C-alpha atoms as a PDB file:
ATOM      1  CA  MET A   1      -0.597  14.729  -0.376  1.00  0.00           C
ATOM      2  CA  THR A   2      -1.788  12.904  -3.558  1.00  0.00           C
ATOM      3  CA  GLY A   3      -5.319  14.381  -3.641  1.00  0.00           C
ATOM      4  CA  ASN A   4      -6.490  10.778  -4.353  1.00  0.00           C
ATOM      5  CA  PRO A   5      -7.986   8.599  -1.603  1.00  0.00           C
ATOM      6  CA  MET A   6      -6.574   5.447  -3.304  1.00  0.00           C
ATOM      7  CA  PHE A   7      -3.424   5.860  -1.371  1.00  0.00           C
ATOM      8  CA  ALA A   8      -5.270   5.517   1.941  1.00  0.00           C
ATOM      9  CA  HIS A   9      -6.882   2.086   1.137  1.00  0.00           C
ATOM     10  CA  GLY A  10      -5.444  -1.363   1.720  1.00  0.00           C
ATOM     11  CA  MET A  11      -2.773  -2.841   3.839  1.00  0.00           C
ATOM     12  CA  MET A  12      -0.199  -0.325   2.619  1.00  0.00           C
ATOM     13  CA  GLY A  13      -2.386   2.739   3.226  1.00  0.00           C
ATOM     14  CA  PRO A  14      -1.351   3.570   6.709  1.00  0.00           C
ATOM     15  CA  MET A  15       2.386   3.367   5.981  1.00  0.00           C
ATOM     16  CA  ILE A  16       1.977   5.391   2.820  1.00  0.00           C
ATOM     17  CA  MET A  17      -0.045   8.095   4.562  1.00  0.00           C
ATOM     18  CA  LYS A  18       2.626   8.244   7.427  1.00  0.00           C
ATOM     19  CA  ARG A  19       5.258   8.759   4.785  1.00  0.00           C
ATOM     20  CA  ALA A  20       3.230  11.365   2.964  1.00  0.00           C
ATOM     21  CA  PHE A  21       2.599  13.033   6.223  1.00  0.00           C
ATOM     22  CA  GLN A  22       6.425  13.101   7.108  1.00  0.00           C
ATOM     23  CA  LEU A  23       7.220  14.582   3.696  1.00  0.00           C
ATOM     24  CA  ALA A  24       4.637  17.345   4.133  1.00  0.00           C
ATOM     25  CA  ASP A  25       5.280  18.260   7.754  1.00  0.00           C
ATOM     26  CA  ALA A  26       7.864  20.989   6.875  1.00  0.00           C
ATOM     27  CA  ASP A  27       8.215  22.355  10.363  1.00  0.00           C
ATOM     28  CA  LYS A  28       7.977  18.811  11.960  1.00  0.00           C
ATOM     29  CA  ASP A  29       5.471  19.904  14.555  1.00  0.00           C
ATOM     30  CA  GLY A  30       3.255  16.771  13.954  1.00  0.00           C
ATOM     31  CA  ARG A  31       0.537  18.928  12.407  1.00  0.00           C
ATOM     32  CA  LEU A  32      -0.292  19.683   8.795  1.00  0.00           C
ATOM     33  CA  THR A  33      -1.624  22.922   7.507  1.00  0.00           C
ATOM     34  CA  ASP A  34      -3.133  23.587   4.047  1.00  0.00           C
ATOM     35  CA  ALA A  35       0.008  25.506   3.122  1.00  0.00           C
ATOM     36  CA  GLU A  36       2.297  22.725   4.104  1.00  0.00           C
ATOM     37  CA  ILE A  37       0.225  20.167   2.091  1.00  0.00           C
ATOM     38  CA  ASP A  38       0.066  22.477  -0.920  1.00  0.00           C
ATOM     39  CA  SER A  39       3.771  23.114  -0.727  1.00  0.00           C
ATOM     40  CA  ALA A  40       4.614  19.400  -0.375  1.00  0.00           C
ATOM     41  CA  ARG A  41       2.335  18.484  -3.140  1.00  0.00           C
ATOM     42  CA  THR A  42       3.886  21.001  -5.486  1.00  0.00           C
ATOM     43  CA  ALA A  43       7.465  20.154  -4.436  1.00  0.00           C
ATOM     44  CA  GLN A  44       6.726  16.315  -5.081  1.00  0.00           C
ATOM     45  CA  PHE A  45       5.136  16.984  -8.435  1.00  0.00           C
ATOM     46  CA  ASP A  46       7.929  19.234  -9.560  1.00  0.00           C
ATOM     47  CA  LYS A  47      10.586  16.913  -8.195  1.00  0.00           C
ATOM     48  CA  HIS A  48       9.264  14.063 -10.253  1.00  0.00           C
ATOM     49  CA  ASP A  49       8.348  15.919 -13.398  1.00  0.00           C
ATOM     50  CA  ALA A  50      11.702  15.264 -14.920  1.00  0.00           C
ATOM     51  CA  ASN A  51      11.240  17.187 -18.099  1.00  0.00           C
ATOM     52  CA  GLY A  52       9.409  20.024 -16.488  1.00  0.00           C
ATOM     53  CA  ASP A  53       6.322  19.935 -18.741  1.00  0.00           C
ATOM     54  CA  GLY A  54       3.793  20.156 -15.980  1.00  0.00           C
ATOM     55  CA  ARG A  55       2.606  16.530 -16.514  1.00  0.00           C
ATOM     56  CA  LEU A  56       3.744  13.222 -15.087  1.00  0.00           C
ATOM     57  CA  THR A  57       4.454  10.265 -17.448  1.00  0.00           C
ATOM     58  CA  LEU A  58       4.028   6.744 -16.152  1.00  0.00           C
ATOM     59  CA  GLU A  59       7.746   6.635 -15.509  1.00  0.00           C
ATOM     60  CA  GLU A  60       7.728   9.862 -13.647  1.00  0.00           C
ATOM     61  CA  PHE A  61       4.807   8.874 -11.611  1.00  0.00           C
ATOM     62  CA  ASP A  62       6.457   5.499 -10.846  1.00  0.00           C
ATOM     63  CA  SER A  63       9.414   7.570  -9.315  1.00  0.00           C
ATOM     64  CA  LEU A  64       6.964   9.488  -7.129  1.00  0.00           C
ATOM     65  CA  LEU A  65       5.104   6.283  -6.070  1.00  0.00           C
ATOM     66  CA  ARG A  66       8.369   4.551  -5.191  1.00  0.00           C
ATOM     67  CA  GLU A  67       9.353   7.376  -2.957  1.00  0.00           C
ATOM     68  CA  LEU A  68       6.034   7.230  -1.095  1.00  0.00           C
ATOM     69  CA  THR A  69       5.965   3.461  -0.755  1.00  0.00           C
ATOM     70  CA  GLN A  70       9.720   2.941  -0.050  1.00  0.00           C
ATOM     71  CA  PRO A  71       8.969   2.322   3.677  1.00  0.00           C
ATOM     72  CA  VAL A  72       6.398  -0.371   2.673  1.00  0.00           C
ATOM     73  CA  ALA A  73       8.988  -2.132   0.444  1.00  0.00           C
ATOM     74  CA  VAL A  74      11.517  -2.073   3.284  1.00  0.00           C
ATOM     75  CA  ARG A  75       8.981  -3.550   5.718  1.00  0.00           C
ATOM     76  CA  ALA A  76       8.033  -6.319   3.121  1.00  0.00           C
ATOM     77  CA  PHE A  77      11.691  -6.997   2.572  1.00  0.00           C
ATOM     78  CA  GLN A  78      12.238  -7.380   6.304  1.00  0.00           C
ATOM     79  CA  PHE A  79       9.221  -9.660   6.597  1.00  0.00           C
ATOM     80  CA  LEU A  80      10.538 -12.022   4.051  1.00  0.00           C
ATOM     81  CA  ASP A  81      14.130 -11.915   5.494  1.00  0.00           C
ATOM     82  CA  PRO A  82      13.403 -13.263   9.021  1.00  0.00           C
ATOM     83  CA  ASP A  83      17.146 -14.083   9.647  1.00  0.00           C
ATOM     84  CA  GLY A  84      18.068 -10.472   8.963  1.00  0.00           C
ATOM     85  CA  ASP A  85      20.953 -11.277   6.515  1.00  0.00           C
ATOM     86  CA  ALA A  86      19.843  -8.635   4.061  1.00  0.00           C
ATOM     87  CA  VAL A  87      18.977 -11.200   1.329  1.00  0.00           C
ATOM     88  CA  ILE A  88      15.921 -13.153   0.546  1.00  0.00           C
ATOM     89  CA  THR A  89      16.292 -16.752  -0.195  1.00  0.00           C
ATOM     90  CA  LYS A  90      13.895 -18.690  -2.362  1.00  0.00           C
ATOM     91  CA  GLU A  91      12.812 -20.613   0.716  1.00  0.00           C
ATOM     92  CA  GLU A  92      12.178 -17.262   2.559  1.00  0.00           C
ATOM     93  CA  PHE A  93      10.332 -15.896  -0.374  1.00  0.00           C
ATOM     94  CA  ASP A  94       8.040 -19.056  -0.688  1.00  0.00           C
ATOM     95  CA  GLY A  95       7.417 -19.254   3.115  1.00  0.00           C
ATOM     96  CA  PRO A  96       4.489 -16.893   3.516  1.00  0.00           C
ATOM     97  CA  THR A  97       2.477 -18.574   0.743  1.00  0.00           C
ATOM     98  CA  THR A  98       3.467 -22.223   1.194  1.00  0.00           C
ATOM     99  CA  ARG A  99       0.127 -23.156   2.816  1.00  0.00           C
ATOM    100  CA  ILE A 100      -2.008 -20.267   1.818  1.00  0.00           C
ATOM    101  CA  VAL A 101      -4.835 -22.319   0.307  1.00  0.00           C
ATOM    102  CA  ARG A 102      -5.100 -24.399   3.510  1.00  0.00           C
ATOM    103  CA  PHE A 103      -5.321 -21.161   5.702  1.00  0.00           C
ATOM    104  CA  LEU A 104      -7.627 -19.100   3.411  1.00  0.00           C
ATOM    105  CA  ASP A 105      -9.946 -21.712   1.928  1.00  0.00           C
ATOM    106  CA  ARG A 106     -12.930 -20.869   3.991  1.00  0.00           C
ATOM    107  CA  ASN A 107     -15.434 -23.023   2.102  1.00  0.00           C
ATOM    108  CA  GLU A 108     -12.916 -25.942   2.100  1.00  0.00           C
ATOM    109  CA  ASP A 109     -13.123 -26.696  -1.588  1.00  0.00           C
ATOM    110  CA  GLY A 110      -9.372 -27.038  -2.047  1.00  0.00           C
ATOM    111  CA  ALA A 111      -9.022 -23.789  -4.009  1.00  0.00           C
ATOM    112  CA  LEU A 112      -9.089 -20.034  -3.403  1.00  0.00           C
ATOM    113  CA  SER A 113     -12.057 -18.181  -4.965  1.00  0.00           C
ATOM    114  CA  ILE A 114     -14.115 -15.085  -4.356  1.00  0.00           C
ATOM    115  CA  ASP A 115     -16.224 -17.161  -2.114  1.00  0.00           C
ATOM    116  CA  ASP A 116     -13.371 -17.332   0.350  1.00  0.00           C
ATOM    117  CA  ARG A 117     -13.255 -13.573   0.738  1.00  0.00           C
ATOM    118  CA  PRO A 118     -13.991 -12.261   4.254  1.00  0.00           C
ATOM    119  CA  ASP A 119     -17.159 -10.326   4.556  1.00  0.00           C
ATOM    120  CA  PHE A 120     -15.642  -7.085   5.866  1.00  0.00           C
ATOM    121  CA  HIS A 121     -18.762  -5.068   4.899  1.00  0.00           C
ATOM    122  CA  ARG A 122     -20.750  -6.703   7.686  1.00  0.00           C
ATOM    123  CA  GLY A 123     -18.331  -6.171  10.357  1.00  0.00           C
ATOM    124  CA  GLY A 124     -16.333  -9.393  10.432  1.00  0.00           C
ATOM    125  CA  PHE A 125     -15.280 -12.595   8.752  1.00  0.00           C
ATOM    126  CA  SER A 126     -18.667 -14.215   8.247  1.00  0.00           C
ATOM    127  CA  HIS A 127     -19.138 -16.544   5.391  1.00  0.00           C
ATOM    128  CA  GLY A 128     -21.077 -15.389   2.458  1.00  0.00           C
ATOM    129  CA  ARG A 129     -20.887 -14.815  -1.254  1.00  0.00           C
ATOM    130  CA  TYR A 130     -19.088 -11.717  -2.502  1.00  0.00           C
ATOM    131  CA  ASP A 131     -21.680  -9.368  -3.821  1.00  0.00           C
ATOM    132  CA  GLU A 132     -20.192  -6.609  -6.142  1.00  0.00           C
ATOM    133  CA  GLU A 133     -23.147  -4.333  -5.132  1.00  0.00           C
ATOM    134  CA  ASP A 134     -21.923  -4.367  -1.583  1.00  0.00           C
ATOM    135  CA  ASP A 135     -18.445  -3.566  -2.469  1.00  0.00           C
ATOM    136  CA  ASP A 136     -17.232  -0.078  -1.510  1.00  0.00           C
ATOM    137  CA  ASN A 137     -14.069  -0.295  -3.623  1.00  0.00           C
END
């Protein structure tokens, strides 16, 4: 829908793509045609172009992005609210990162650095220094 592959990358990508698909699938048949994508893209742009000038400001784009990522925000909130009481306490907020260095410090130097980055480019989590030339991003 966005015309930009950046929305398909990272942990949020699948959820964002699902949301974009749902917004574009006008006849709800589980398939997207070029016409549906074009129509949805135009509708989303026009909806968020608050002043109708044919351009999106940062604020207008933020509104569009929030609509697309809303399911991701809900999922993240639910993850941080394990007791399901619809509020996140400081303890719940801190929980996932409390021992992050211990879990992600692959070279065991007591700190996180690029050296601790998993080597996804070679098909796994092998140790090895990050090389920007190998980076696809």
